[in-house]
Amino acid sequence: MSGDPADRPGTTHARLLTRRELGQVEPAVLSAQNWLHVASASDAVRSRFPAARFSVADIDCRSTTLAPEKDLPPLDTAPFAGTGVRLGPGAAPRRSRLVLHELRDVLLVYGLRGFAVFTTSGVSTLSTNAPAFDIASVRPDEAVDALFFTGDSFNSGNICHYFYDHLGRAILYDELVPGSGFTVGTVNTEAPFNAFFRQPVAPDAQRLEPGTIYHVGRLRLLSTSSGSIDHPAYGGSEIVLDRWTRHFPPDALQDTSFPERLYISRSDARRRRLVNEPDVERLLVGLGYTVVRMSEQSALDQAKLIHNARTIVSPHGANLTAIAFATAGSAMVELFGPGQGTLGFYRVAQRRGVHYQPVLGREVPRKGAGDPWIIALDEVAAAVDAAETA
């Protein structure tokens, strides 16, 4: 299947409510409850969305608890107190728990930041977004007998979300529910990084088109698709990380031509701009670091860069996705803008046996577009020294 579904004869191009539209009704925190708030809101509120005619449907759902993984030790969150960095439930000691949901004879549509599961009578509470169309009159464009959907409410175009969340679910489903006969359904992304890592995990996955309405005979979802999610990598899922190690073992990544001291620049990023990054780069080059931009590297070289580095310094962001391939005993210094990011890479580093050191930045006096921030060079230098001597 290819092309924009809106351009194919006889199809209905569907749309989900945008984050802004949801935010006009409730605080713009994208979650499984947002559309529910809209659906149960007063007539005065709903009149602002004349195309969103839907209600909560009592759709039969069979749920099975899958085996929990090992205990997750706590993370040291003291450095992040009062910074606005999202700690997430993965910061607390607990046992991870996954639930597999199955719904029958339903319709599925997804957009950039969410998906909806529904019938002509209403929307399932497993949805992460609201359909911006009259579901009573909709008809499906594609039919699928048995589908395991890997999506969620995050930006499916982001390589970090795709690698850890979408492909992470595909791995978990394959490991915990082997031989199910279900087709893996993932979002249609041809970003080179995503395509490269999808191949060993789900080479036969059906790449679903945004806006296309699928009629699914049996639809399966993991609880992390619609509920609370420890982004990324399910709190550093050992099942997911071990699978990546099997696909890319250390001897396949070892390469002495790659630098041991690595600074991953975000100078080409449009969001969360580190204003004094040129100063940071000059500081680290003086300490023997090599500056790289992951956007200029192949997917395999990103994994090799991380695997062969003894010390990694980087601002928080998708540029750190390949931290899943870090070597035990190495060190990582993660730079955070104020109120930006999560502890996801911290958890992955912990699982990989990587020494972790955060440095917190601050807002620029005149905040502009792209959430700009700056960081103290002396604090970066101190963190790097601590990481290298740990």
Protein backbone atom coordinates (compact mmCIF):
# COMPACT_ATOMS: atom_id res chain seq x y z
CA MET A 1 0.00 0.00 0.00
CA SER A 2 1.44 3.38 -0.93
CA GLY A 3 0.50 6.98 -1.47
CA ASP A 4 -1.78 9.31 0.43
CA PRO A 5 -5.02 7.42 1.18
CA ALA A 6 -6.92 10.60 0.42
CA ASP A 7 -5.79 10.25 -3.20
CA ARG A 8 -7.04 6.69 -3.64
CA PRO A 9 -10.50 6.34 -5.22
CA GLY A 10 -13.31 5.30 -2.91
CA THR A 11 -11.52 5.97 0.38
CA THR A 12 -12.26 8.30 3.28
CA HIS A 13 -9.30 10.25 4.63
CA ALA A 14 -9.83 10.43 8.39
CA ARG A 15 -8.47 12.93 10.90
CA LEU A 16 -7.92 12.92 14.63
CA LEU A 17 -8.32 15.97 16.83
CA THR A 18 -5.09 17.93 17.11
CA ARG A 19 -3.27 18.65 20.34
CA ARG A 20 -4.46 22.27 20.10
CA GLU A 21 -8.07 21.20 19.66
CA LEU A 22 -7.85 18.87 22.63
CA GLY A 23 -6.17 21.61 24.62
CA GLN A 24 -9.12 23.93 24.04
CA VAL A 25 -11.24 21.55 26.07
CA GLU A 26 -8.78 20.22 28.64
CA PRO A 27 -5.11 20.89 29.50
CA ALA A 28 -3.02 19.73 26.56
CA VAL A 29 -1.63 16.60 28.16
CA LEU A 30 -2.07 13.96 25.50
CA SER A 31 -3.39 10.83 27.19
CA ALA A 32 -6.11 8.23 26.95
CA GLN A 33 -8.42 10.57 28.86
CA ASN A 34 -8.29 13.60 26.55
CA TRP A 35 -10.87 12.45 24.05
CA LEU A 36 -13.00 11.10 26.90
CA HIS A 37 -13.14 14.60 28.38
CA VAL A 38 -14.34 15.90 25.04
CA ALA A 39 -16.88 13.12 24.63
CA SER A 40 -18.39 13.74 28.07
CA ALA A 41 -18.18 17.53 27.96
CA SER A 42 -21.15 19.84 27.93
CA ASP A 43 -23.04 20.63 24.73
CA ALA A 44 -21.55 24.13 24.81
CA VAL A 45 -18.03 22.73 24.73
CA ARG A 46 -18.79 20.06 22.17
CA SER A 47 -20.39 22.60 19.86
CA ARG A 48 -16.87 23.90 19.22
CA PHE A 49 -16.14 20.55 17.55
CA PRO A 50 -19.12 19.93 15.25
CA ALA A 51 -17.24 17.18 13.38
CA ALA A 52 -16.38 15.24 16.54
CA ARG A 53 -19.55 13.24 17.06
CA PHE A 54 -18.63 10.35 19.27
CA SER A 55 -19.29 8.78 22.65
CA VAL A 56 -17.72 6.14 24.86
CA ALA A 57 -18.50 2.69 23.50
CA ASP A 58 -18.80 -0.48 25.55
CA ILE A 59 -16.52 -2.48 23.26
CA ASP A 60 -15.74 -6.00 24.47
CA CYS A 61 -12.07 -6.29 25.43
CA ARG A 62 -10.22 -9.37 26.62
CA SER A 63 -7.14 -8.60 28.70
CA THR A 64 -4.26 -10.87 29.73
CA THR A 65 -1.43 -9.97 32.11
CA LEU A 66 1.95 -10.91 30.68
CA ALA A 67 4.87 -11.99 32.87
CA PRO A 68 6.57 -9.11 34.72
CA GLU A 69 10.25 -8.48 34.29
CA LYS A 70 12.86 -8.17 37.03
CA ASP A 71 12.69 -5.46 39.67
CA LEU A 72 13.69 -2.01 38.49
CA PRO A 73 16.05 -0.38 41.01
CA PRO A 74 15.36 3.27 41.86
CA LEU A 75 17.03 6.11 40.04
CA ASP A 76 18.75 8.94 41.89
CA THR A 77 16.34 11.78 41.14
CA ALA A 78 17.82 14.31 43.60
CA PRO A 79 19.69 16.26 40.86
CA PHE A 80 16.39 16.79 39.04
CA ALA A 81 14.37 18.17 41.95
CA GLY A 82 12.51 21.33 40.96
CA THR A 83 13.90 21.33 37.42
CA GLY A 84 10.74 20.38 35.54
CA VAL A 85 12.37 17.31 34.00
CA ARG A 86 9.69 14.61 33.84
CA LEU A 87 10.69 11.89 36.27
CA GLY A 88 7.98 9.44 35.21
CA PRO A 89 6.88 6.29 37.02
CA GLY A 90 10.05 4.52 35.88
CA ALA A 91 12.04 6.49 38.47
CA ALA A 92 10.50 4.52 41.36
CA PRO A 93 11.42 0.96 42.36
CA ARG A 94 8.71 -1.38 41.10
CA ARG A 95 8.02 -4.38 38.91
CA SER A 96 7.09 -3.63 35.35
CA ARG A 97 3.77 -5.14 34.29
CA LEU A 98 2.36 -5.47 30.81
CA VAL A 99 -1.23 -6.23 29.87
CA LEU A 100 -2.25 -7.47 26.43
CA HIS A 101 -5.66 -6.27 25.23
CA GLU A 102 -7.65 -7.86 22.42
CA LEU A 103 -10.69 -6.28 20.75
CA ARG A 104 -12.75 -7.83 17.97
CA ASP A 105 -14.42 -6.37 14.90
CA VAL A 106 -13.26 -2.77 15.44
CA LEU A 107 -12.05 0.17 13.37
CA LEU A 108 -8.58 1.67 13.82
CA VAL A 109 -7.17 4.99 12.63
CA TYR A 110 -3.96 6.73 13.66
CA GLY A 111 -2.42 10.16 13.22
CA LEU A 112 0.94 11.72 14.03
CA ARG A 113 0.27 11.84 17.77
CA GLY A 114 -2.27 9.18 18.55
CA PHE A 115 -4.80 6.59 17.47
CA ALA A 116 -8.48 5.78 17.91
CA VAL A 117 -10.16 2.39 18.21
CA PHE A 118 -13.90 2.55 17.63
CA THR A 119 -17.08 1.08 16.21
CA THR A 120 -20.04 2.91 14.72
CA SER A 121 -21.48 3.14 18.25
CA GLY A 122 -18.54 4.86 19.93
CA VAL A 123 -14.86 4.99 20.87
CA SER A 124 -12.90 2.53 23.01
CA THR A 125 -11.24 3.83 26.16
CA LEU A 126 -7.99 2.29 24.89
CA SER A 127 -7.78 5.12 22.34
CA THR A 128 -5.21 7.86 22.85
CA ASN A 129 -6.96 10.46 20.73
CA ALA A 130 -10.36 11.48 19.44
CA PRO A 131 -11.64 11.02 15.89
CA ALA A 132 -12.57 14.35 14.28
CA PHE A 133 -15.28 12.84 12.11
CA ASP A 134 -18.73 11.31 12.44
CA ILE A 135 -17.97 7.70 13.33
CA ALA A 136 -21.58 6.65 12.79
CA SER A 137 -21.22 7.14 9.04
CA VAL A 138 -17.63 6.01 8.53
CA ARG A 139 -16.64 2.97 6.52
CA PRO A 140 -13.24 1.23 6.58
CA ASP A 141 -10.72 1.62 3.78
CA GLU A 142 -8.64 -1.50 4.50
CA ALA A 143 -9.41 -4.87 6.13
CA VAL A 144 -6.99 -6.81 8.35
CA ASP A 145 -7.82 -10.16 9.96
CA ALA A 146 -5.48 -10.15 12.99
CA LEU A 147 -3.29 -7.16 13.86
CA PHE A 148 -0.93 -6.33 16.72
CA PHE A 149 -0.64 -2.52 16.68
CA THR A 150 2.55 -0.96 18.10
CA GLY A 151 1.43 2.70 18.18
CA ASP A 152 0.82 5.16 21.02
CA SER A 153 0.30 8.89 21.57
CA PHE A 154 3.90 9.97 20.89
CA ASN A 155 5.28 11.51 17.73
CA SER A 156 5.72 8.52 15.45
CA GLY A 157 8.14 10.46 13.25
CA ASN A 158 10.72 10.73 16.06
CA ILE A 159 13.39 8.02 15.76
CA CYS A 160 13.67 7.66 19.53
CA HIS A 161 9.95 7.01 19.97
CA TYR A 162 9.91 4.62 17.03
CA PHE A 163 13.01 2.68 18.14
CA TYR A 164 12.16 2.32 21.82
CA ASP A 165 8.37 2.42 21.83
CA HIS A 166 7.05 1.07 18.52
CA LEU A 167 9.81 -1.47 17.86
CA GLY A 168 10.07 -2.11 21.60
CA ARG A 169 6.46 -3.29 21.64
CA ALA A 170 7.05 -5.45 18.57
CA ILE A 171 9.95 -7.11 20.40
CA LEU A 172 7.97 -7.62 23.60
CA TYR A 173 5.03 -9.11 21.74
CA ASP A 174 7.26 -11.46 19.77
CA GLU A 175 9.13 -12.57 22.91
CA LEU A 176 6.13 -12.90 25.23
CA VAL A 177 3.48 -14.11 22.76
CA PRO A 178 5.48 -16.18 20.24
CA GLY A 179 3.81 -17.77 17.25
CA SER A 180 0.55 -15.83 17.60
CA GLY A 181 -0.02 -15.55 13.86
CA PHE A 182 -0.88 -11.86 14.18
CA THR A 183 0.48 -9.33 11.71
CA VAL A 184 2.57 -6.61 13.35
CA GLY A 185 1.15 -3.22 12.40
CA THR A 186 3.43 -0.22 12.77
CA VAL A 187 3.30 3.34 11.54
CA ASN A 188 4.52 3.97 8.01
CA THR A 189 7.93 5.58 8.40
CA GLU A 190 10.73 5.33 5.88
CA ALA A 191 13.29 7.32 7.86
CA PRO A 192 16.57 5.45 7.22
CA PHE A 193 17.21 4.90 10.93
CA ASN A 194 13.72 3.48 11.50
CA ALA A 195 13.80 1.27 8.41
CA PHE A 196 17.23 -0.13 9.32
CA PHE A 197 16.24 -1.20 12.83
CA ARG A 198 12.77 -2.38 11.80
CA GLN A 199 14.26 -4.96 9.44
CA PRO A 200 15.64 -7.42 12.04
CA VAL A 201 12.68 -6.98 14.42
CA ALA A 202 9.61 -6.91 12.17
CA PRO A 203 10.64 -7.35 8.52
CA ASP A 204 7.12 -8.32 7.47
CA ALA A 205 5.31 -5.61 9.44
CA GLN A 206 2.34 -3.96 7.79
CA ARG A 207 3.11 -0.26 7.63
CA LEU A 208 -0.16 1.50 8.31
CA GLU A 209 -1.03 4.78 6.62
CA PRO A 210 -2.06 7.79 8.72
CA GLY A 211 -5.67 8.71 8.14
CA THR A 212 -6.65 5.33 6.71
CA ILE A 213 -9.45 3.56 8.59
CA TYR A 214 -8.72 -0.14 9.08
CA HIS A 215 -11.38 -2.73 9.82
CA VAL A 216 -9.64 -5.22 12.13
CA GLY A 217 -11.14 -8.59 12.93
CA ARG A 218 -8.90 -9.11 15.98
CA LEU A 219 -6.87 -6.15 17.27
CA ARG A 220 -4.23 -6.54 19.98
CA LEU A 221 -2.55 -3.72 21.91
CA LEU A 222 -0.14 -3.63 24.83
CA SER A 223 -1.21 -1.57 27.83
CA THR A 224 1.70 0.83 27.25
CA SER A 225 0.13 1.90 23.96
CA SER A 226 -2.76 3.67 25.66
CA GLY A 227 -1.96 3.85 29.35
CA SER A 228 0.92 5.28 31.37
CA ILE A 229 4.21 4.68 29.57
CA ASP A 230 7.76 4.80 30.90
CA HIS A 231 9.24 6.39 27.83
CA PRO A 232 11.55 5.26 26.44
CA ALA A 233 12.29 1.52 26.46
CA TYR A 234 9.71 0.61 29.10
CA GLY A 235 11.98 1.66 31.92
CA GLY A 236 14.98 0.07 30.23
CA SER A 237 13.27 -3.22 29.40
CA GLU A 238 15.79 -6.04 29.64
CA ILE A 239 13.77 -8.06 27.14
CA VAL A 240 14.01 -5.25 24.58
CA LEU A 241 17.68 -4.45 25.23
CA ASP A 242 18.72 -8.12 25.20
CA ARG A 243 16.99 -8.55 21.85
CA TRP A 244 18.95 -5.63 20.40
CA THR A 245 22.15 -7.22 21.68
CA ARG A 246 21.28 -10.47 19.90
CA HIS A 247 20.67 -8.60 16.65
CA PHE A 248 23.82 -6.45 17.03
CA PRO A 249 26.33 -8.34 19.21
CA PRO A 250 29.44 -6.54 20.53
CA ASP A 251 31.80 -8.15 18.00
CA ALA A 252 29.66 -6.74 15.18
CA LEU A 253 29.90 -3.21 16.59
CA GLN A 254 33.49 -3.15 17.87
CA ASP A 255 35.62 -0.83 15.73
CA THR A 256 38.75 0.92 17.01
CA SER A 257 38.48 3.58 14.31
CA PHE A 258 35.63 5.23 16.24
CA PRO A 259 36.47 7.84 18.93
CA GLU A 260 36.62 6.99 22.62
CA ARG A 261 35.53 10.46 23.72
CA LEU A 262 32.35 11.58 22.03
CA TYR A 263 30.29 14.76 22.05
CA ILE A 264 26.96 14.43 20.21
CA SER A 265 25.93 17.87 19.00
CA ARG A 266 22.36 19.13 18.62
CA SER A 267 23.42 22.16 16.58
CA ASP A 268 21.18 21.02 13.73
CA ALA A 269 18.08 20.59 15.93
CA ARG A 270 15.05 22.86 15.55
CA ARG A 271 13.85 22.44 19.16
CA ARG A 272 15.55 22.67 22.55
CA ARG A 273 18.45 24.68 21.17
CA LEU A 274 21.54 24.89 23.36
CA VAL A 275 22.50 28.50 22.68
CA ASN A 276 26.10 28.23 23.87
CA GLU A 277 26.73 24.86 22.23
CA PRO A 278 29.69 26.23 20.20
CA ASP A 279 31.36 27.04 23.54
CA VAL A 280 30.57 23.55 24.84
CA GLU A 281 32.06 22.02 21.71
CA ARG A 282 35.25 24.09 21.99
CA LEU A 283 35.60 23.09 25.64
CA LEU A 284 35.25 19.39 24.89
CA VAL A 285 37.44 19.43 21.77
CA GLY A 286 40.14 20.89 24.02
CA LEU A 287 39.67 17.87 26.30
CA GLY A 288 40.15 15.43 23.44
CA TYR A 289 36.52 14.88 22.41
CA THR A 290 35.28 14.35 18.86
CA VAL A 291 32.12 16.25 17.87
CA VAL A 292 29.56 14.36 15.77
CA ARG A 293 26.02 14.99 14.55
CA MET A 294 23.92 11.86 14.52
CA SER A 295 21.83 13.23 11.64
CA GLU A 296 24.94 12.86 9.46
CA GLN A 297 25.58 9.23 10.48
CA SER A 298 24.08 6.00 9.19
CA ALA A 299 21.98 3.96 11.63
CA LEU A 300 24.74 1.37 12.01
CA ASP A 301 27.41 4.02 12.56
CA GLN A 302 25.28 5.62 15.29
CA ALA A 303 25.27 2.28 17.11
CA LYS A 304 29.03 1.90 16.57
CA LEU A 305 29.77 5.42 17.78
CA ILE A 306 27.98 4.77 21.06
CA HIS A 307 29.31 1.24 21.51
CA ASN A 308 32.98 2.21 21.05
CA ALA A 309 32.92 5.39 23.17
CA ARG A 310 34.33 5.35 26.69
CA THR A 311 32.71 8.70 27.55
CA ILE A 312 29.62 10.18 25.86
CA VAL A 313 28.47 13.77 26.37
CA SER A 314 25.25 14.97 24.79
CA PRO A 315 22.21 17.19 25.26
CA HIS A 316 19.01 15.24 25.88
CA GLY A 317 17.19 14.24 22.71
CA ALA A 318 16.74 11.67 19.97
CA ASN A 319 20.48 12.00 19.25
CA LEU A 320 20.94 9.62 22.21
CA THR A 321 18.69 6.87 20.84
CA ALA A 322 21.61 4.51 20.18
CA ILE A 323 22.54 4.53 23.89
CA ALA A 324 20.92 1.08 23.82
CA PHE A 325 24.23 -0.13 22.34
CA ALA A 326 26.50 1.41 25.00
CA THR A 327 29.21 -0.74 26.57
CA ALA A 328 29.14 -1.61 30.28
CA GLY A 329 31.70 0.44 32.18
CA SER A 330 31.49 3.45 29.87
CA ALA A 331 30.21 6.84 31.06
CA MET A 332 27.53 9.23 29.89
CA VAL A 333 26.99 12.92 30.68
CA GLU A 334 23.50 14.09 29.71
CA LEU A 335 22.79 17.83 29.42
CA PHE A 336 19.24 18.99 30.16
CA GLY A 337 17.46 22.21 29.33
CA PRO A 338 15.12 23.56 32.04
CA GLY A 339 11.87 21.57 32.15
CA GLN A 340 12.90 19.49 29.17
CA GLY A 341 13.13 15.75 28.66
CA THR A 342 12.67 12.60 30.71
CA LEU A 343 14.85 10.13 32.59
CA GLY A 344 14.45 7.50 29.87
CA PHE A 345 18.09 7.48 28.78
CA TYR A 346 19.16 7.41 32.44
CA ARG A 347 17.23 4.16 32.87
CA VAL A 348 18.70 2.65 29.69
CA ALA A 349 22.20 3.65 30.83
CA GLN A 350 21.54 2.01 34.20
CA ARG A 351 20.43 -1.22 32.52
CA ARG A 352 23.55 -1.20 30.34
CA GLY A 353 25.93 -0.65 33.27
CA VAL A 354 26.89 2.86 32.15
CA HIS A 355 27.97 5.47 34.71
CA TYR A 356 25.52 8.36 34.43
CA GLN A 357 26.05 12.05 35.20
CA PRO A 358 23.39 14.75 34.52
CA VAL A 359 24.01 18.49 34.12
CA LEU A 360 21.08 20.93 34.33
CA GLY A 361 21.00 24.09 32.26
CA ARG A 362 18.89 27.25 32.55
CA GLU A 363 16.71 29.42 30.35
CA VAL A 364 18.18 32.24 28.35
CA PRO A 365 17.21 35.73 29.59
CA ARG A 366 15.10 36.39 26.51
CA LYS A 367 13.45 33.15 25.57
CA GLY A 368 12.76 32.80 21.86
CA ALA A 369 11.52 30.18 19.44
CA GLY A 370 12.72 26.60 19.88
CA ASP A 371 12.92 26.53 23.70
CA PRO A 372 16.53 27.87 23.84
CA TRP A 373 18.69 27.31 26.90
CA ILE A 374 22.28 27.65 28.08
CA ILE A 375 24.52 25.59 30.32
CA ALA A 376 27.44 26.51 32.59
CA LEU A 377 30.75 25.42 31.09
CA ASP A 378 32.39 24.85 34.48
CA GLU A 379 29.57 22.46 35.41
CA VAL A 380 30.02 20.55 32.17
CA ALA A 381 33.78 20.31 32.76
CA ALA A 382 33.23 19.06 36.33
CA ALA A 383 30.71 16.44 35.21
CA VAL A 384 33.02 15.20 32.46
CA ASP A 385 35.90 14.92 34.92
CA ALA A 386 33.69 13.00 37.36
CA ALA A 387 32.48 10.67 34.59
CA GLU A 388 35.98 9.90 33.36
CA THR A 389 37.30 9.13 36.82
CA ALA A 390 34.29 7.11 38.01
